[in-house]
C-alpha atoms as a PDB file:
ATOM      1  CA  MET A   1       0.437   4.898  18.535  1.00  0.00           C
ATOM      2  CA  PHE A   2      -0.206   0.923  18.306  1.00  0.00           C
ATOM      3  CA  ARG A   3       0.796   0.039  22.076  1.00  0.00           C
ATOM      4  CA  GLU A   4      -2.697   1.612  23.374  1.00  0.00           C
ATOM      5  CA  ALA A   5      -5.004   2.051  20.364  1.00  0.00           C
ATOM      6  CA  VAL A   6      -7.799  -0.363  21.258  1.00  0.00           C
ATOM      7  CA  ASP A   7      -8.026  -1.776  17.295  1.00  0.00           C
ATOM      8  CA  SER A   8      -4.043  -2.218  17.553  1.00  0.00           C
ATOM      9  CA  PRO A   9      -2.666  -4.873  15.252  1.00  0.00           C
ATOM     10  CA  VAL A  10      -0.541  -5.945  17.571  1.00  0.00           C
ATOM     11  CA  PRO A  11      -1.486  -9.042  19.813  1.00  0.00           C
ATOM     12  CA  LYS A  12      -2.173  -7.914  23.183  1.00  0.00           C
ATOM     13  CA  ALA A  13       0.357 -10.438  24.611  1.00  0.00           C
ATOM     14  CA  ASP A  14       2.980  -8.727  22.859  1.00  0.00           C
ATOM     15  CA  LEU A  15       2.551  -5.337  23.850  1.00  0.00           C
ATOM     16  CA  ASP A  16       4.613  -5.157  26.594  1.00  0.00           C
ATOM     17  CA  ARG A  17       7.468  -5.758  24.027  1.00  0.00           C
ATOM     18  CA  PHE A  18       6.156  -4.107  21.382  1.00  0.00           C
ATOM     19  CA  VAL A  19       9.162  -1.980  19.699  1.00  0.00           C
ATOM     20  CA  PRO A  20       8.129   1.780  18.031  1.00  0.00           C
ATOM     21  CA  LEU A  21       7.618   1.614  14.119  1.00  0.00           C
ATOM     22  CA  GLY A  22      10.203   1.902  12.189  1.00  0.00           C
ATOM     23  CA  TYR A  23      10.669   4.356   9.171  1.00  0.00           C
ATOM     24  CA  TYR A  24      13.139   5.276   6.642  1.00  0.00           C
ATOM     25  CA  PRO A  25      14.471   8.698   6.941  1.00  0.00           C
ATOM     26  CA  ILE A  26      12.063  11.249   5.307  1.00  0.00           C
ATOM     27  CA  ASP A  27      13.266  11.526   1.522  1.00  0.00           C
ATOM     28  CA  ASP A  28      11.727  14.091  -0.580  1.00  0.00           C
ATOM     29  CA  THR A  29      12.949  12.721  -3.978  1.00  0.00           C
ATOM     30  CA  TYR A  30      10.063   9.761  -3.046  1.00  0.00           C
ATOM     31  CA  ARG A  31       7.473  12.267  -3.348  1.00  0.00           C
ATOM     32  CA  THR A  32       6.006  12.882  -6.931  1.00  0.00           C
ATOM     33  CA  PRO A  33       3.357  13.934  -9.197  1.00  0.00           C
ATOM     34  CA  ALA A  34       1.286  10.701 -10.849  1.00  0.00           C
ATOM     35  CA  ALA A  35      -1.519  10.783 -13.424  1.00  0.00           C
ATOM     36  CA  LEU A  36      -4.010   8.244 -13.746  1.00  0.00           C
ATOM     37  CA  ALA A  37      -5.499   7.109 -16.204  1.00  0.00           C
ATOM     38  CA  PRO A  38      -9.056   6.126 -15.191  1.00  0.00           C
ATOM     39  CA  LEU A  39     -11.153   2.931 -15.842  1.00  0.00           C
ATOM     40  CA  SER A  40     -14.942   2.518 -15.943  1.00  0.00           C
ATOM     41  CA  ASP A  41     -16.610   0.382 -14.017  1.00  0.00           C
ATOM     42  CA  ALA A  42     -17.604  -1.607 -17.554  1.00  0.00           C
ATOM     43  CA  GLU A  43     -13.601  -1.487 -18.184  1.00  0.00           C
ATOM     44  CA  SER A  44     -12.933  -3.286 -14.933  1.00  0.00           C
ATOM     45  CA  PRO A  45     -15.496  -5.298 -13.298  1.00  0.00           C
ATOM     46  CA  ALA A  46     -15.446  -6.471  -9.848  1.00  0.00           C
ATOM     47  CA  PHE A  47     -12.579  -9.261  -9.206  1.00  0.00           C
ATOM     48  CA  GLU A  48     -11.477 -11.220  -6.062  1.00  0.00           C
ATOM     49  CA  MET A  49      -8.038  -9.906  -4.700  1.00  0.00           C
ATOM     50  CA  PRO A  50      -6.020 -12.770  -2.830  1.00  0.00           C
ATOM     51  CA  THR A  51      -5.430 -12.023   0.996  1.00  0.00           C
ATOM     52  CA  SER A  52      -2.554 -13.353   3.160  1.00  0.00           C
ATOM     53  CA  THR A  53      -4.977 -15.619   5.088  1.00  0.00           C
ATOM     54  CA  GLY A  54      -6.142 -17.333   1.789  1.00  0.00           C
ATOM     55  CA  GLN A  55      -9.768 -15.099   2.029  1.00  0.00           C
ATOM     56  CA  ARG A  56     -10.241 -12.809  -1.461  1.00  0.00           C
ATOM     57  CA  ARG A  57     -11.820  -9.378  -0.941  1.00  0.00           C
ATOM     58  CA  GLN A  58     -13.968  -7.836  -3.796  1.00  0.00           C
ATOM     59  CA  MET A  59     -12.277  -4.646  -5.630  1.00  0.00           C
ATOM     60  CA  ARG A  60     -12.086  -3.035  -8.842  1.00  0.00           C
ATOM     61  CA  LYS A  61      -9.194  -1.492 -10.571  1.00  0.00           C
ATOM     62  CA  ALA A  62      -9.631   2.419 -10.470  1.00  0.00           C
ATOM     63  CA  GLY A  63      -6.644   2.803 -13.213  1.00  0.00           C
ATOM     64  CA  LYS A  64      -3.322   3.161 -13.508  1.00  0.00           C
ATOM     65  CA  LEU A  65      -0.753   5.904 -11.695  1.00  0.00           C
ATOM     66  CA  LYS A  66       1.773   6.795 -14.190  1.00  0.00           C
ATOM     67  CA  PHE A  67       4.495   8.409 -12.149  1.00  0.00           C
ATOM     68  CA  THR A  68       8.468   9.178 -12.303  1.00  0.00           C
ATOM     69  CA  LEU A  69      10.928   8.643  -9.800  1.00  0.00           C
ATOM     70  CA  HIS A  70      14.411   8.995  -9.663  1.00  0.00           C
ATOM     71  CA  GLY A  71      14.305   9.561 -13.632  1.00  0.00           C
ATOM     72  CA  GLN A  72      12.761   6.265 -14.778  1.00  0.00           C
ATOM     73  CA  THR A  73       8.898   6.062 -15.102  1.00  0.00           C
ATOM     74  CA  TYR A  74       6.866   3.334 -13.665  1.00  0.00           C
ATOM     75  CA  THR A  75       3.028   2.749 -12.826  1.00  0.00           C
ATOM     76  CA  LEU A  76       1.134   0.994  -9.928  1.00  0.00           C
ATOM     77  CA  THR A  77      -2.492   0.074 -10.801  1.00  0.00           C
ATOM     78  CA  ALA A  78      -5.039   1.639  -7.763  1.00  0.00           C
ATOM     79  CA  PHE A  79      -7.440  -0.298  -6.753  1.00  0.00           C
ATOM     80  CA  VAL A  80     -10.944   0.746  -4.607  1.00  0.00           C
ATOM     81  CA  THR A  81     -13.351  -1.835  -2.649  1.00  0.00           C
ATOM     82  CA  ALA A  82     -16.371  -3.175  -5.138  1.00  0.00           C
ATOM     83  CA  GLU A  83     -18.850  -1.342  -2.801  1.00  0.00           C
ATOM     84  CA  ASP A  84     -17.246   2.169  -3.258  1.00  0.00           C
ATOM     85  CA  ALA A  85     -19.393   3.247  -6.133  1.00  0.00           C
ATOM     86  CA  ALA A  86     -17.970   6.828  -5.609  1.00  0.00           C
ATOM     87  CA  ARG A  87     -14.619   5.671  -5.494  1.00  0.00           C
ATOM     88  CA  ARG A  88     -13.454   8.188  -2.793  1.00  0.00           C
ATOM     89  CA  ARG A  89      -9.984   6.502  -1.828  1.00  0.00           C
ATOM     90  CA  LEU A  90      -7.544   4.504  -3.928  1.00  0.00           C
ATOM     91  CA  PHE A  91      -6.001   2.036  -2.476  1.00  0.00           C
ATOM     92  CA  VAL A  92      -2.626   1.171  -3.941  1.00  0.00           C
ATOM     93  CA  PRO A  93      -0.671  -1.872  -2.869  1.00  0.00           C
ATOM     94  CA  PHE A  94       3.247  -2.403  -3.967  1.00  0.00           C
ATOM     95  CA  ARG A  95       6.416  -4.672  -3.591  1.00  0.00           C
ATOM     96  CA  ASP A  96       9.852  -3.299  -4.129  1.00  0.00           C
ATOM     97  CA  LEU A  97      13.412  -4.707  -3.924  1.00  0.00           C
ATOM     98  CA  THR A  98      13.115  -3.748  -0.205  1.00  0.00           C
ATOM     99  CA  ALA A  99      10.526  -6.456   0.571  1.00  0.00           C
ATOM    100  CA  GLY A 100      11.268  -9.358   2.797  1.00  0.00           C
ATOM    101  CA  LEU A 101      14.550  -7.414   3.318  1.00  0.00           C
ATOM    102  CA  GLU A 102      14.126  -4.132   5.085  1.00  0.00           C
ATOM    103  CA  THR A 103       9.851  -3.848   4.646  1.00  0.00           C
ATOM    104  CA  TYR A 104       7.347  -6.802   4.645  1.00  0.00           C
ATOM    105  CA  ALA A 105       7.572  -9.660   2.242  1.00  0.00           C
ATOM    106  CA  SER A 106       4.467  -9.082   0.530  1.00  0.00           C
ATOM    107  CA  GLY A 107       4.895  -5.461  -0.094  1.00  0.00           C
ATOM    108  CA  ARG A 108       3.603  -2.136   1.506  1.00  0.00           C
ATOM    109  CA  TYR A 109       0.443   0.360   0.682  1.00  0.00           C
ATOM    110  CA  LEU A 110      -0.462   3.646  -0.206  1.00  0.00           C
ATOM    111  CA  ASP A 111      -4.153   5.336   0.550  1.00  0.00           C
ATOM    112  CA  LEU A 112      -4.610   8.426  -1.803  1.00  0.00           C
ATOM    113  CA  ASP A 113      -7.687  10.810  -1.604  1.00  0.00           C
ATOM    114  CA  ARG A 114      -9.454  10.666  -5.176  1.00  0.00           C
ATOM    115  CA  THR A 115      -8.964  13.937  -6.943  1.00  0.00           C
ATOM    116  CA  PRO A 116     -11.247  15.609  -9.530  1.00  0.00           C
ATOM    117  CA  THR A 117      -8.375  16.424 -11.766  1.00  0.00           C
ATOM    118  CA  GLY A 118      -6.698  12.595 -11.833  1.00  0.00           C
ATOM    119  CA  LEU A 119      -3.645  13.815 -10.601  1.00  0.00           C
ATOM    120  CA  TYR A 120      -1.549  12.816  -7.615  1.00  0.00           C
ATOM    121  CA  ASP A 121       1.136  13.148  -5.137  1.00  0.00           C
ATOM    122  CA  ILE A 122       2.290  10.118  -4.558  1.00  0.00           C
ATOM    123  CA  ASP A 123       4.302  10.593  -1.349  1.00  0.00           C
ATOM    124  CA  PHE A 124       6.498   7.094  -0.869  1.00  0.00           C
ATOM    125  CA  ASN A 125       7.317   8.250   2.847  1.00  0.00           C
ATOM    126  CA  THR A 126       3.517   7.745   3.856  1.00  0.00           C
ATOM    127  CA  ALA A 127       3.680   4.168   2.581  1.00  0.00           C
ATOM    128  CA  TYR A 128       3.233   1.545   5.728  1.00  0.00           C
ATOM    129  CA  GLN A 129       3.136  -2.241   6.318  1.00  0.00           C
ATOM    130  CA  PRO A 130      -0.144  -3.469   6.353  1.00  0.00           C
ATOM    131  CA  TYR A 131      -2.015  -4.891   9.639  1.00  0.00           C
ATOM    132  CA  CYS A 132      -0.586  -8.873   9.188  1.00  0.00           C
ATOM    133  CA  TYR A 133       3.085  -7.664   9.530  1.00  0.00           C
ATOM    134  CA  TYR A 134       2.295  -7.346  13.188  1.00  0.00           C
ATOM    135  CA  ASP A 135      -0.501 -10.224  13.612  1.00  0.00           C
ATOM    136  CA  VAL A 136      -0.896 -13.030  11.197  1.00  0.00           C
ATOM    137  CA  LYS A 137      -4.907 -13.497  11.965  1.00  0.00           C
ATOM    138  CA  TYR A 138      -5.350 -10.156   9.794  1.00  0.00           C
ATOM    139  CA  ASP A 139      -6.386 -10.350   6.625  1.00  0.00           C
ATOM    140  CA  CYS A 140      -4.077  -8.244   4.355  1.00  0.00           C
ATOM    141  CA  PRO A 141      -4.448  -8.019   0.263  1.00  0.00           C
ATOM    142  CA  ILE A 142      -1.497  -9.091  -1.853  1.00  0.00           C
ATOM    143  CA  PRO A 143      -0.299  -6.493  -3.952  1.00  0.00           C
ATOM    144  CA  PRO A 144      -0.758  -7.897  -7.641  1.00  0.00           C
ATOM    145  CA  ALA A 145       2.262  -8.425  -9.696  1.00  0.00           C
ATOM    146  CA  GLU A 146       1.630  -5.534 -12.005  1.00  0.00           C
ATOM    147  CA  ASN A 147       2.798  -3.437  -8.601  1.00  0.00           C
ATOM    148  CA  ARG A 148       5.961  -4.822  -8.759  1.00  0.00           C
ATOM    149  CA  LEU A 149       8.281  -2.427  -8.537  1.00  0.00           C
ATOM    150  CA  THR A 150      11.860  -3.185  -9.817  1.00  0.00           C
ATOM    151  CA  VAL A 151      13.850  -0.620  -7.589  1.00  0.00           C
ATOM    152  CA  PRO A 152      14.177  -0.311  -3.937  1.00  0.00           C
ATOM    153  CA  ILE A 153      11.634   2.152  -2.337  1.00  0.00           C
ATOM    154  CA  ARG A 154      13.322   3.312   0.944  1.00  0.00           C
ATOM    155  CA  ALA A 155      11.016   5.601   2.194  1.00  0.00           C
ATOM    156  CA  GLY A 156       7.964   4.924   4.464  1.00  0.00           C
ATOM    157  CA  GLU A 157       7.661   2.315   7.113  1.00  0.00           C
ATOM    158  CA  ARG A 158       9.999  -0.152   7.350  1.00  0.00           C
ATOM    159  CA  MET A 159      10.886  -3.129   9.542  1.00  0.00           C
ATOM    160  CA  ARG A 160      11.179  -2.231  13.307  1.00  0.00           C
ATOM    161  CA  HIS A 161      14.204  -3.088  14.667  1.00  0.00           C
ATOM    162  CA  GLN A 162      14.266  -5.713  17.765  1.00  0.00           C
END
């Protein structure tokens, strides 16, 4: 995908040496229902989320996703860009115990399409590394402390093997 894409995050000079993306084996135990406790715009004013380049992105908290994984209950804060008034797409940056060892040190991302019911299917098998993993010139939001999971999430994209 990244080897031939015009908008590839892999620097052109590195494309010849590009190793295919690495993924954990699909594991359905990392797919779980979640309920969003939403926040209104009044409850969640726009704020500046720090990024990998020191820039700041205008974001809003959309709410907290509560879910159970391997018998334990967790929450992750979902975000929307400040200009997305309809809140169509939820952005869920997270960091877990694989960060820096098996996955990108800053964390990984999930994207969820907004549902009218507030019920979601979190599938960590779709977790992906930010573009800044491939090239430091990309400006990637840093998962906030509130989205640090105290367990390893061995699902989704992982560091590629050289």
